[in-house]
PDB file of N, CA and C in Angstrom:
ATOM      1  N   MET A   1      10.562  -8.977   4.380  1.00  0.00           N
ATOM      2  CA  MET A   1       9.498  -9.352   3.492  1.00  0.00           C
ATOM      3  C   MET A   1       8.179  -9.294   4.250  1.00  0.00           C
ATOM      4  N   HIS A   2       7.118  -8.861   3.562  1.00  0.00           N
ATOM      5  CA  HIS A   2       5.794  -8.755   4.164  1.00  0.00           C
ATOM      6  C   HIS A   2       5.174 -10.133   4.299  1.00  0.00           C
ATOM      7  N   HIS A   3       4.348 -10.341   5.325  1.00  0.00           N
ATOM      8  CA  HIS A   3       3.789 -11.661   5.571  1.00  0.00           C
ATOM      9  C   HIS A   3       2.840 -12.121   4.473  1.00  0.00           C
ATOM     10  N   ARG A   4       2.282 -11.214   3.696  1.00  0.00           N
ATOM     11  CA  ARG A   4       1.373 -11.617   2.617  1.00  0.00           C
ATOM     12  C   ARG A   4       2.104 -11.937   1.319  1.00  0.00           C
ATOM     13  N   ASP A   5       3.358 -11.530   1.206  1.00  0.00           N
ATOM     14  CA  ASP A   5       4.100 -11.765  -0.030  1.00  0.00           C
ATOM     15  C   ASP A   5       4.429 -13.237  -0.240  1.00  0.00           C
ATOM     16  N   SER A   6       4.791 -13.921   0.824  1.00  0.00           N
ATOM     17  CA  SER A   6       5.221 -15.307   0.652  1.00  0.00           C
ATOM     18  C   SER A   6       4.056 -16.298   0.746  1.00  0.00           C
ATOM     19  N   ASN A   7       2.949 -15.897   1.351  1.00  0.00           N
ATOM     20  CA  ASN A   7       1.857 -16.825   1.580  1.00  0.00           C
ATOM     21  C   ASN A   7       0.660 -16.405   0.730  1.00  0.00           C
ATOM     22  N   THR A   8       0.307 -17.225  -0.257  1.00  0.00           N
ATOM     23  CA  THR A   8      -0.811 -16.877  -1.128  1.00  0.00           C
ATOM     24  C   THR A   8      -2.077 -17.641  -0.789  1.00  0.00           C
ATOM     25  N   SER A   9      -2.030 -18.519   0.202  1.00  0.00           N
ATOM     26  CA  SER A   9      -3.195 -19.312   0.574  1.00  0.00           C
ATOM     27  C   SER A   9      -4.169 -18.458   1.372  1.00  0.00           C
ATOM     28  N   ASN A  10      -5.461 -18.536   1.039  1.00  0.00           N
ATOM     29  CA  ASN A  10      -6.477 -17.781   1.763  1.00  0.00           C
ATOM     30  C   ASN A  10      -6.644 -18.264   3.190  1.00  0.00           C
ATOM     31  N   ARG A  11      -6.396 -19.562   3.426  1.00  0.00           N
ATOM     32  CA  ARG A  11      -6.622 -20.113   4.759  1.00  0.00           C
ATOM     33  C   ARG A  11      -5.701 -19.499   5.787  1.00  0.00           C
ATOM     34  N   ASN A  12      -4.500 -19.177   5.406  1.00  0.00           N
ATOM     35  CA  ASN A  12      -3.509 -18.732   6.374  1.00  0.00           C
ATOM     36  C   ASN A  12      -3.417 -17.215   6.485  1.00  0.00           C
ATOM     37  N   ARG A  13      -4.231 -16.501   5.763  1.00  0.00           N
ATOM     38  CA  ARG A  13      -4.179 -15.046   5.845  1.00  0.00           C
ATOM     39  C   ARG A  13      -4.815 -14.564   7.127  1.00  0.00           C
ATOM     40  N   ILE A  14      -4.323 -13.474   7.611  1.00  0.00           N
ATOM     41  CA  ILE A  14      -4.867 -12.886   8.834  1.00  0.00           C
ATOM     42  C   ILE A  14      -6.259 -12.352   8.526  1.00  0.00           C
ATOM     43  N   GLY A  15      -7.219 -12.665   9.376  1.00  0.00           N
ATOM     44  CA  GLY A  15      -8.575 -12.174   9.220  1.00  0.00           C
ATOM     45  C   GLY A  15      -9.441 -12.993   8.290  1.00  0.00           C
ATOM     46  N   SER A  16      -8.916 -14.067   7.733  1.00  0.00           N
ATOM     47  CA  SER A  16      -9.737 -14.881   6.845  1.00  0.00           C
ATOM     48  C   SER A  16     -10.540 -15.883   7.650  1.00  0.00           C
ATOM     49  N   LYS A  17     -11.607 -16.391   7.058  1.00  0.00           N
ATOM     50  CA  LYS A  17     -12.485 -17.348   7.725  1.00  0.00           C
ATOM     51  C   LYS A  17     -11.773 -18.687   7.871  1.00  0.00           C
ATOM     52  N   SER A  18     -11.890 -19.267   9.027  1.00  0.00           N
ATOM     53  CA  SER A  18     -11.253 -20.560   9.285  1.00  0.00           C
ATOM     54  C   SER A  18     -12.018 -21.661   8.564  1.00  0.00           C
ATOM     55  N   THR A  19     -11.296 -22.651   8.064  1.00  0.00           N
ATOM     56  CA  THR A  19     -11.935 -23.767   7.379  1.00  0.00           C
ATOM     57  C   THR A  19     -12.064 -24.977   8.279  1.00  0.00           C
ATOM     58  N   VAL A  20     -11.703 -24.878   9.532  1.00  0.00           N
ATOM     59  CA  VAL A  20     -11.786 -25.999  10.454  1.00  0.00           C
ATOM     60  C   VAL A  20     -13.239 -26.200  10.847  1.00  0.00           C
ATOM     61  N   GLY A  21     -13.728 -27.410  10.724  1.00  0.00           N
ATOM     62  CA  GLY A  21     -15.075 -27.737  11.163  1.00  0.00           C
ATOM     63  C   GLY A  21     -16.163 -27.430  10.160  1.00  0.00           C
ATOM     64  N   GLU A  22     -15.832 -26.967   8.956  1.00  0.00           N
ATOM     65  CA  GLU A  22     -16.860 -26.695   7.959  1.00  0.00           C
ATOM     66  C   GLU A  22     -17.352 -28.000   7.355  1.00  0.00           C
ATOM     67  N   LYS A  23     -18.618 -28.057   7.030  1.00  0.00           N
ATOM     68  CA  LYS A  23     -19.194 -29.261   6.442  1.00  0.00           C
ATOM     69  C   LYS A  23     -19.361 -29.055   4.943  1.00  0.00           C
ATOM     70  N   MET A  24     -19.018 -30.066   4.192  1.00  0.00           N
ATOM     71  CA  MET A  24     -19.183 -30.027   2.750  1.00  0.00           C
ATOM     72  C   MET A  24     -20.508 -30.695   2.401  1.00  0.00           C
ATOM     73  N   VAL A  25     -21.251 -30.083   1.489  1.00  0.00           N
ATOM     74  CA  VAL A  25     -22.537 -30.619   1.070  1.00  0.00           C
ATOM     75  C   VAL A  25     -22.433 -30.997  -0.391  1.00  0.00           C
ATOM     76  N   ARG A  26     -22.897 -32.197  -0.739  1.00  0.00           N
ATOM     77  CA  ARG A  26     -22.877 -32.634  -2.126  1.00  0.00           C
ATOM     78  C   ARG A  26     -24.296 -32.533  -2.669  1.00  0.00           C
ATOM     79  N   ILE A  27     -24.439 -31.820  -3.765  1.00  0.00           N
ATOM     80  CA  ILE A  27     -25.741 -31.639  -4.396  1.00  0.00           C
ATOM     81  C   ILE A  27     -25.687 -32.270  -5.770  1.00  0.00           C
ATOM     82  N   ASP A  28     -26.574 -33.227  -6.000  1.00  0.00           N
ATOM     83  CA  ASP A  28     -26.662 -33.867  -7.299  1.00  0.00           C
ATOM     84  C   ASP A  28     -27.887 -33.333  -8.030  1.00  0.00           C
ATOM     85  N   GLY A  29     -27.769 -33.133  -9.320  1.00  0.00           N
ATOM     86  CA  GLY A  29     -28.898 -32.682 -10.116  1.00  0.00           C
ATOM     87  C   GLY A  29     -28.441 -31.727 -11.200  1.00  0.00           C
ATOM     88  N   THR A  30     -29.406 -31.322 -12.005  1.00  0.00           N
ATOM     89  CA  THR A  30     -29.085 -30.380 -13.070  1.00  0.00           C
ATOM     90  C   THR A  30     -28.979 -28.980 -12.498  1.00  0.00           C
ATOM     91  N   LEU A  31     -28.440 -28.074 -13.294  1.00  0.00           N
ATOM     92  CA  LEU A  31     -28.308 -26.689 -12.853  1.00  0.00           C
ATOM     93  C   LEU A  31     -29.666 -26.063 -12.563  1.00  0.00           C
ATOM     94  N   GLU A  32     -30.668 -26.420 -13.350  1.00  0.00           N
ATOM     95  CA  GLU A  32     -32.005 -25.870 -13.129  1.00  0.00           C
ATOM     96  C   GLU A  32     -32.573 -26.320 -11.791  1.00  0.00           C
ATOM     97  N   GLU A  33     -32.373 -27.617 -11.461  1.00  0.00           N
ATOM     98  CA  GLU A  33     -32.866 -28.127 -10.184  1.00  0.00           C
ATOM     99  C   GLU A  33     -32.153 -27.466  -9.015  1.00  0.00           C
ATOM    100  N   ILE A  34     -30.855 -27.282  -9.139  1.00  0.00           N
ATOM    101  CA  ILE A  34     -30.085 -26.629  -8.075  1.00  0.00           C
ATOM    102  C   ILE A  34     -30.544 -25.186  -7.923  1.00  0.00           C
ATOM    103  N   TYR A  35     -30.782 -24.498  -9.033  1.00  0.00           N
ATOM    104  CA  TYR A  35     -31.243 -23.112  -8.988  1.00  0.00           C
ATOM    105  C   TYR A  35     -32.599 -23.027  -8.294  1.00  0.00           C
ATOM    106  N   GLU A  36     -33.489 -23.982  -8.580  1.00  0.00           N
ATOM    107  CA  GLU A  36     -34.802 -23.988  -7.937  1.00  0.00           C
ATOM    108  C   GLU A  36     -34.683 -24.255  -6.447  1.00  0.00           C
ATOM    109  N   LEU A  37     -33.773 -25.141  -6.055  1.00  0.00           N
ATOM    110  CA  LEU A  37     -33.576 -25.420  -4.638  1.00  0.00           C
ATOM    111  C   LEU A  37     -33.035 -24.201  -3.909  1.00  0.00           C
ATOM    112  N   VAL A  38     -32.071 -23.519  -4.522  1.00  0.00           N
ATOM    113  CA  VAL A  38     -31.472 -22.348  -3.888  1.00  0.00           C
ATOM    114  C   VAL A  38     -32.490 -21.227  -3.744  1.00  0.00           C
ATOM    115  N   ASN A  39     -33.328 -21.041  -4.738  1.00  0.00           N
ATOM    116  CA  ASN A  39     -34.299 -19.957  -4.704  1.00  0.00           C
ATOM    117  C   ASN A  39     -35.623 -20.344  -4.065  1.00  0.00           C
ATOM    118  N   GLY A  40     -35.716 -21.533  -3.520  1.00  0.00           N
ATOM    119  CA  GLY A  40     -36.897 -21.928  -2.774  1.00  0.00           C
ATOM    120  C   GLY A  40     -38.074 -22.343  -3.617  1.00  0.00           C
ATOM    121  N   ARG A  41     -37.848 -22.695  -4.868  1.00  0.00           N
ATOM    122  CA  ARG A  41     -38.959 -23.121  -5.721  1.00  0.00           C
ATOM    123  C   ARG A  41     -38.827 -24.585  -6.094  1.00  0.00           C
ATOM    124  N   GLY A  42     -38.247 -25.355  -5.207  1.00  0.00           N
ATOM    125  CA  GLY A  42     -38.055 -26.763  -5.492  1.00  0.00           C
ATOM    126  C   GLY A  42     -39.364 -27.533  -5.418  1.00  0.00           C
ATOM    127  N   SER A  43     -39.379 -28.738  -5.975  1.00  0.00           N
ATOM    128  CA  SER A  43     -40.598 -29.539  -6.001  1.00  0.00           C
ATOM    129  C   SER A  43     -40.920 -30.123  -4.634  1.00  0.00           C
ATOM    130  N   ARG A  44     -39.973 -30.073  -3.696  1.00  0.00           N
ATOM    131  CA  ARG A  44     -40.198 -30.660  -2.376  1.00  0.00           C
ATOM    132  C   ARG A  44     -41.051 -29.769  -1.495  1.00  0.00           C
ATOM    133  N   GLY A  45     -40.934 -28.477  -1.637  1.00  0.00           N
ATOM    134  CA  GLY A  45     -41.645 -27.555  -0.764  1.00  0.00           C
ATOM    135  C   GLY A  45     -42.937 -27.073  -1.390  1.00  0.00           C
ATOM    136  N   SER A  46     -43.712 -26.327  -0.603  1.00  0.00           N
ATOM    137  CA  SER A  46     -44.959 -25.780  -1.123  1.00  0.00           C
ATOM    138  C   SER A  46     -44.665 -24.514  -1.916  1.00  0.00           C
ATOM    139  N   SER A  47     -45.553 -24.173  -2.825  1.00  0.00           N
ATOM    140  CA  SER A  47     -45.328 -23.007  -3.664  1.00  0.00           C
ATOM    141  C   SER A  47     -45.831 -21.727  -3.025  1.00  0.00           C
ATOM    142  N   SER A  48     -46.688 -21.835  -1.983  1.00  0.00           N
ATOM    143  CA  SER A  48     -47.208 -20.634  -1.347  1.00  0.00           C
ATOM    144  C   SER A  48     -46.182 -20.077  -0.370  1.00  0.00           C
ATOM    145  N   PRO A  49     -46.115 -18.753  -0.241  1.00  0.00           N
ATOM    146  CA  PRO A  49     -45.139 -18.165   0.677  1.00  0.00           C
ATOM    147  C   PRO A  49     -45.524 -18.434   2.127  1.00  0.00           C
ATOM    148  N   SER A  50     -44.532 -18.516   2.968  1.00  0.00           N
ATOM    149  CA  SER A  50     -44.796 -18.756   4.384  1.00  0.00           C
ATOM    150  C   SER A  50     -45.367 -17.487   5.017  1.00  0.00           C
ATOM    151  N   PRO A  51     -46.022 -17.602   6.161  1.00  0.00           N
ATOM    152  CA  PRO A  51     -46.612 -16.414   6.792  1.00  0.00           C
ATOM    153  C   PRO A  51     -45.596 -15.333   7.121  1.00  0.00           C
ATOM    154  N   SER A  52     -44.346 -15.707   7.359  1.00  0.00           N
ATOM    155  CA  SER A  52     -43.347 -14.699   7.682  1.00  0.00           C
ATOM    156  C   SER A  52     -42.945 -13.894   6.453  1.00  0.00           C
ATOM    157  N   GLN A  53     -43.245 -14.384   5.252  1.00  0.00           N
ATOM    158  CA  GLN A  53     -42.866 -13.683   4.029  1.00  0.00           C
ATOM    159  C   GLN A  53     -43.978 -12.786   3.496  1.00  0.00           C
ATOM    160  N   THR A  54     -45.189 -12.934   4.001  1.00  0.00           N
ATOM    161  CA  THR A  54     -46.275 -12.112   3.497  1.00  0.00           C
ATOM    162  C   THR A  54     -46.137 -10.702   4.058  1.00  0.00           C
ATOM    163  N   PRO A  55     -46.362  -9.684   3.238  1.00  0.00           N
ATOM    164  CA  PRO A  55     -46.193  -8.313   3.719  1.00  0.00           C
ATOM    165  C   PRO A  55     -47.297  -7.952   4.708  1.00  0.00           C
ATOM    166  N   THR A  56     -46.932  -7.230   5.736  1.00  0.00           N
ATOM    167  CA  THR A  56     -47.894  -6.786   6.735  1.00  0.00           C
ATOM    168  C   THR A  56     -47.901  -5.267   6.775  1.00  0.00           C
ATOM    169  N   ARG A  57     -49.065  -4.705   7.029  1.00  0.00           N
ATOM    170  CA  ARG A  57     -49.171  -3.259   7.128  1.00  0.00           C
ATOM    171  C   ARG A  57     -48.759  -2.807   8.510  1.00  0.00           C
ATOM    172  N   ARG A  58     -48.109  -1.653   8.554  1.00  0.00           N
ATOM    173  CA  ARG A  58     -47.755  -1.080   9.842  1.00  0.00           C
ATOM    174  C   ARG A  58     -48.972  -0.391  10.437  1.00  0.00           C
ATOM    175  N   ARG A  59     -49.017  -0.314  11.741  1.00  0.00           N
ATOM    176  CA  ARG A  59     -50.096   0.390  12.398  1.00  0.00           C
ATOM    177  C   ARG A  59     -49.956   1.881  12.137  1.00  0.00           C
ATOM    178  N   SER A  60     -51.068   2.590  12.218  1.00  0.00           N
ATOM    179  CA  SER A  60     -51.042   4.023  11.918  1.00  0.00           C
ATOM    180  C   SER A  60     -50.190   4.774  12.921  1.00  0.00           C
ATOM    181  N   SER A  61     -50.175   4.342  14.174  1.00  0.00           N
ATOM    182  CA  SER A  61     -49.345   5.020  15.169  1.00  0.00           C
ATOM    183  C   SER A  61     -47.868   4.832  14.851  1.00  0.00           C
ATOM    184  N   SER A  62     -47.520   3.649  14.344  1.00  0.00           N
ATOM    185  CA  SER A  62     -46.133   3.388  13.975  1.00  0.00           C
ATOM    186  C   SER A  62     -45.728   4.235  12.770  1.00  0.00           C
ATOM    187  N   ARG A  63     -46.628   4.322  11.779  1.00  0.00           N
ATOM    188  CA  ARG A  63     -46.325   5.148  10.604  1.00  0.00           C
ATOM    189  C   ARG A  63     -46.179   6.612  11.001  1.00  0.00           C
ATOM    190  N   ARG A  64     -47.036   7.067  11.899  1.00  0.00           N
ATOM    191  CA  ARG A  64     -46.981   8.458  12.336  1.00  0.00           C
ATOM    192  C   ARG A  64     -45.663   8.738  13.061  1.00  0.00           C
ATOM    193  N   ALA A  65     -45.208   7.787  13.875  1.00  0.00           N
ATOM    194  CA  ALA A  65     -43.942   7.948  14.595  1.00  0.00           C
ATOM    195  C   ALA A  65     -42.775   7.972  13.618  1.00  0.00           C
ATOM    196  N   LEU A  66     -42.831   7.122  12.577  1.00  0.00           N
ATOM    197  CA  LEU A  66     -41.744   7.105  11.594  1.00  0.00           C
ATOM    198  C   LEU A  66     -41.686   8.411  10.812  1.00  0.00           C
ATOM    199  N   LYS A  67     -42.849   8.948  10.450  1.00  0.00           N
ATOM    200  CA  LYS A  67     -42.871  10.219   9.732  1.00  0.00           C
ATOM    201  C   LYS A  67     -42.325  11.335  10.609  1.00  0.00           C
ATOM    202  N   GLY A  68     -42.708  11.312  11.890  1.00  0.00           N
ATOM    203  CA  GLY A  68     -42.201  12.325  12.814  1.00  0.00           C
ATOM    204  C   GLY A  68     -40.709  12.211  13.000  1.00  0.00           C
ATOM    205  N   MET A  69     -40.210  10.982  13.049  1.00  0.00           N
ATOM    206  CA  MET A  69     -38.766  10.786  13.224  1.00  0.00           C
ATOM    207  C   MET A  69     -38.010  11.214  11.981  1.00  0.00           C
ATOM    208  N   LYS A  70     -38.611  11.059  10.819  1.00  0.00           N
ATOM    209  CA  LYS A  70     -37.957  11.482   9.581  1.00  0.00           C
ATOM    210  C   LYS A  70     -37.730  12.986   9.595  1.00  0.00           C
ATOM    211  N   SER A  71     -38.769  13.741   9.924  1.00  0.00           N
ATOM    212  CA  SER A  71     -38.610  15.205   9.933  1.00  0.00           C
ATOM    213  C   SER A  71     -37.698  15.644  11.072  1.00  0.00           C
ATOM    214  N   ALA A  72     -37.757  14.944  12.199  1.00  0.00           N
ATOM    215  CA  ALA A  72     -36.874  15.288  13.313  1.00  0.00           C
ATOM    216  C   ALA A  72     -35.421  15.025  12.959  1.00  0.00           C
ATOM    217  N   MET A  73     -35.154  13.935  12.252  1.00  0.00           N
ATOM    218  CA  MET A  73     -33.775  13.638  11.841  1.00  0.00           C
ATOM    219  C   MET A  73     -33.262  14.677  10.848  1.00  0.00           C
ATOM    220  N   GLN A  74     -34.117  15.125   9.951  1.00  0.00           N
ATOM    221  CA  GLN A  74     -33.702  16.155   8.996  1.00  0.00           C
ATOM    222  C   GLN A  74     -33.326  17.438   9.721  1.00  0.00           C
ATOM    223  N   LYS A  75     -34.164  17.841  10.704  1.00  0.00           N
ATOM    224  CA  LYS A  75     -33.867  19.060  11.457  1.00  0.00           C
ATOM    225  C   LYS A  75     -32.611  18.897  12.313  1.00  0.00           C
ATOM    226  N   ALA A  76     -32.458  17.737  12.929  1.00  0.00           N
ATOM    227  CA  ALA A  76     -31.293  17.498  13.775  1.00  0.00           C
ATOM    228  C   ALA A  76     -30.020  17.454  12.948  1.00  0.00           C
ATOM    229  N   ASN A  77     -30.066  16.814  11.784  1.00  0.00           N
ATOM    230  CA  ASN A  77     -28.886  16.775  10.918  1.00  0.00           C
ATOM    231  C   ASN A  77     -28.517  18.156  10.422  1.00  0.00           C
ATOM    232  N   ALA A  78     -29.519  18.981  10.112  1.00  0.00           N
ATOM    233  CA  ALA A  78     -29.234  20.335   9.656  1.00  0.00           C
ATOM    234  C   ALA A  78     -28.521  21.134  10.743  1.00  0.00           C
ATOM    235  N   ARG A  79     -28.871  20.895  11.982  1.00  0.00           N
ATOM    236  CA  ARG A  79     -28.255  21.633  13.076  1.00  0.00           C
ATOM    237  C   ARG A  79     -26.888  21.074  13.446  1.00  0.00           C
ATOM    238  N   ALA A  80     -26.703  19.755  13.343  1.00  0.00           N
ATOM    239  CA  ALA A  80     -25.497  19.112  13.861  1.00  0.00           C
ATOM    240  C   ALA A  80     -24.370  18.996  12.849  1.00  0.00           C
ATOM    241  N   ARG A  81     -24.671  19.154  11.570  1.00  0.00           N
ATOM    242  CA  ARG A  81     -23.635  18.896  10.556  1.00  0.00           C
ATOM    243  C   ARG A  81     -23.223  20.162   9.815  1.00  0.00           C
ATOM    244  N   LEU A  82     -21.987  20.139   9.320  1.00  0.00           N
ATOM    245  CA  LEU A  82     -21.469  21.209   8.484  1.00  0.00           C
ATOM    246  C   LEU A  82     -21.866  20.960   7.033  1.00  0.00           C
ATOM    247  N   LYS A  83     -21.500  21.873   6.157  1.00  0.00           N
ATOM    248  CA  LYS A  83     -21.843  21.716   4.740  1.00  0.00           C
ATOM    249  C   LYS A  83     -21.163  20.500   4.114  1.00  0.00           C
ATOM    250  N   ASN A  84     -19.979  20.148   4.603  1.00  0.00           N
ATOM    251  CA  ASN A  84     -19.281  18.987   4.024  1.00  0.00           C
ATOM    252  C   ASN A  84     -19.730  17.663   4.634  1.00  0.00           C
ATOM    253  N   GLY A  85     -20.690  17.684   5.572  1.00  0.00           N
ATOM    254  CA  GLY A  85     -21.219  16.458   6.143  1.00  0.00           C
ATOM    255  C   GLY A  85     -20.594  16.056   7.463  1.00  0.00           C
ATOM    256  N   ALA A  86     -19.524  16.731   7.867  1.00  0.00           N
ATOM    257  CA  ALA A  86     -18.890  16.404   9.149  1.00  0.00           C
ATOM    258  C   ALA A  86     -19.718  17.001  10.289  1.00  0.00           C
ATOM    259  N   PHE A  87     -19.496  16.480  11.497  1.00  0.00           N
ATOM    260  CA  PHE A  87     -20.218  17.010  12.649  1.00  0.00           C
ATOM    261  C   PHE A  87     -19.631  18.353  13.065  1.00  0.00           C
ATOM    262  N   ARG A  88     -20.480  19.208  13.576  1.00  0.00           N
ATOM    263  CA  ARG A  88     -20.020  20.438  14.187  1.00  0.00           C
ATOM    264  C   ARG A  88     -19.274  20.110  15.472  1.00  0.00           C
ATOM    265  N   LYS A  89     -18.530  21.093  15.964  1.00  0.00           N
ATOM    266  CA  LYS A  89     -17.793  20.896  17.203  1.00  0.00           C
ATOM    267  C   LYS A  89     -18.780  20.639  18.342  1.00  0.00           C
ATOM    268  N   GLY A  90     -18.523  19.601  19.116  1.00  0.00           N
ATOM    269  CA  GLY A  90     -19.378  19.263  20.236  1.00  0.00           C
ATOM    270  C   GLY A  90     -20.500  18.298  19.894  1.00  0.00           C
ATOM    271  N   TRP A  91     -20.707  18.012  18.624  1.00  0.00           N
ATOM    272  CA  TRP A  91     -21.777  17.103  18.211  1.00  0.00           C
ATOM    273  C   TRP A  91     -21.175  15.753  17.837  1.00  0.00           C
ATOM    274  N   ASP A  92     -21.911  14.699  18.109  1.00  0.00           N
ATOM    275  CA  ASP A  92     -21.579  13.366  17.642  1.00  0.00           C
ATOM    276  C   ASP A  92     -22.890  12.640  17.375  1.00  0.00           C
ATOM    277  N   GLN A  93     -22.812  11.386  16.932  1.00  0.00           N
ATOM    278  CA  GLN A  93     -24.016  10.652  16.559  1.00  0.00           C
ATOM    279  C   GLN A  93     -24.936  10.468  17.764  1.00  0.00           C
ATOM    280  N   ARG A  94     -24.353  10.264  18.923  1.00  0.00           N
ATOM    281  CA  ARG A  94     -25.155  10.076  20.134  1.00  0.00           C
ATOM    282  C   ARG A  94     -25.975  11.322  20.438  1.00  0.00           C
ATOM    283  N   ARG A  95     -25.339  12.482  20.401  1.00  0.00           N
ATOM    284  CA  ARG A  95     -26.051  13.727  20.692  1.00  0.00           C
ATOM    285  C   ARG A  95     -27.088  14.024  19.622  1.00  0.00           C
ATOM    286  N   LEU A  96     -26.763  13.737  18.372  1.00  0.00           N
ATOM    287  CA  LEU A  96     -27.701  13.970  17.278  1.00  0.00           C
ATOM    288  C   LEU A  96     -28.972  13.141  17.462  1.00  0.00           C
ATOM    289  N   MET A  97     -28.834  11.862  17.813  1.00  0.00           N
ATOM    290  CA  MET A  97     -30.009  11.011  17.982  1.00  0.00           C
ATOM    291  C   MET A  97     -30.827  11.417  19.203  1.00  0.00           C
ATOM    292  N   LYS A  98     -30.152  11.807  20.290  1.00  0.00           N
ATOM    293  CA  LYS A  98     -30.889  12.276  21.461  1.00  0.00           C
ATOM    294  C   LYS A  98     -31.695  13.526  21.111  1.00  0.00           C
ATOM    295  N   TYR A  99     -31.093  14.425  20.345  1.00  0.00           N
ATOM    296  CA  TYR A  99     -31.772  15.651  19.947  1.00  0.00           C
ATOM    297  C   TYR A  99     -32.944  15.340  19.015  1.00  0.00           C
ATOM    298  N   ALA A 100     -32.760  14.405  18.096  1.00  0.00           N
ATOM    299  CA  ALA A 100     -33.824  14.051  17.163  1.00  0.00           C
ATOM    300  C   ALA A 100     -35.007  13.425  17.903  1.00  0.00           C
ATOM    301  N   HIS A 101     -34.742  12.556  18.860  1.00  0.00           N
ATOM    302  CA  HIS A 101     -35.832  11.966  19.644  1.00  0.00           C
ATOM    303  C   HIS A 101     -36.558  13.028  20.450  1.00  0.00           C
ATOM    304  N   ARG A 102     -35.808  13.987  20.973  1.00  0.00           N
ATOM    305  CA  ARG A 102     -36.441  15.067  21.732  1.00  0.00           C
ATOM    306  C   ARG A 102     -37.330  15.914  20.824  1.00  0.00           C
ATOM    307  N   LEU A 103     -36.860  16.202  19.604  1.00  0.00           N
ATOM    308  CA  LEU A 103     -37.686  16.945  18.649  1.00  0.00           C
ATOM    309  C   LEU A 103     -38.943  16.183  18.292  1.00  0.00           C
ATOM    310  N   ARG A 104     -38.830  14.876  18.115  1.00  0.00           N
ATOM    311  CA  ARG A 104     -39.993  14.079  17.771  1.00  0.00           C
ATOM    312  C   ARG A 104     -41.030  14.084  18.888  1.00  0.00           C
ATOM    313  N   ARG A 105     -40.551  13.962  20.122  1.00  0.00           N
ATOM    314  CA  ARG A 105     -41.480  14.005  21.264  1.00  0.00           C
ATOM    315  C   ARG A 105     -42.160  15.357  21.383  1.00  0.00           C
ATOM    316  N   LYS A 106     -41.424  16.438  21.091  1.00  0.00           N
ATOM    317  CA  LYS A 106     -42.019  17.778  21.182  1.00  0.00           C
ATOM    318  C   LYS A 106     -43.054  18.007  20.105  1.00  0.00           C
ATOM    319  N   SER A 107     -42.822  17.445  18.913  1.00  0.00           N
ATOM    320  CA  SER A 107     -43.743  17.695  17.799  1.00  0.00           C
ATOM    321  C   SER A 107     -45.017  16.870  17.920  1.00  0.00           C
ATOM    322  N   ALA A 108     -44.994  15.805  18.703  1.00  0.00           N
ATOM    323  CA  ALA A 108     -46.161  14.913  18.809  1.00  0.00           C
ATOM    324  C   ALA A 108     -47.250  15.500  19.679  1.00  0.00           C
TER     325      ALA A 108
END
């Protein structure tokens, strides 16, 4: 018999998350209040977004590098992959990325 056939408990399955040491939290309130707490719009906190949540613009040098890497990756993938998406003989992800970085440096 297979080990999963007789045991239906999630705790004892291989690869499942252990329940030892987990803390249970009790939340009292209506569903709307709980939803607001989960989504960060509770009455306890401020309504303005924190500085880490405000969008920031990338520097022009960073944008230029990303654009260069995009075209380099397209050229490298065209050279390293077959029509079905598999790697050509002798190519792997490591070689593809090294080649793409080299193309980006040459184009700059």
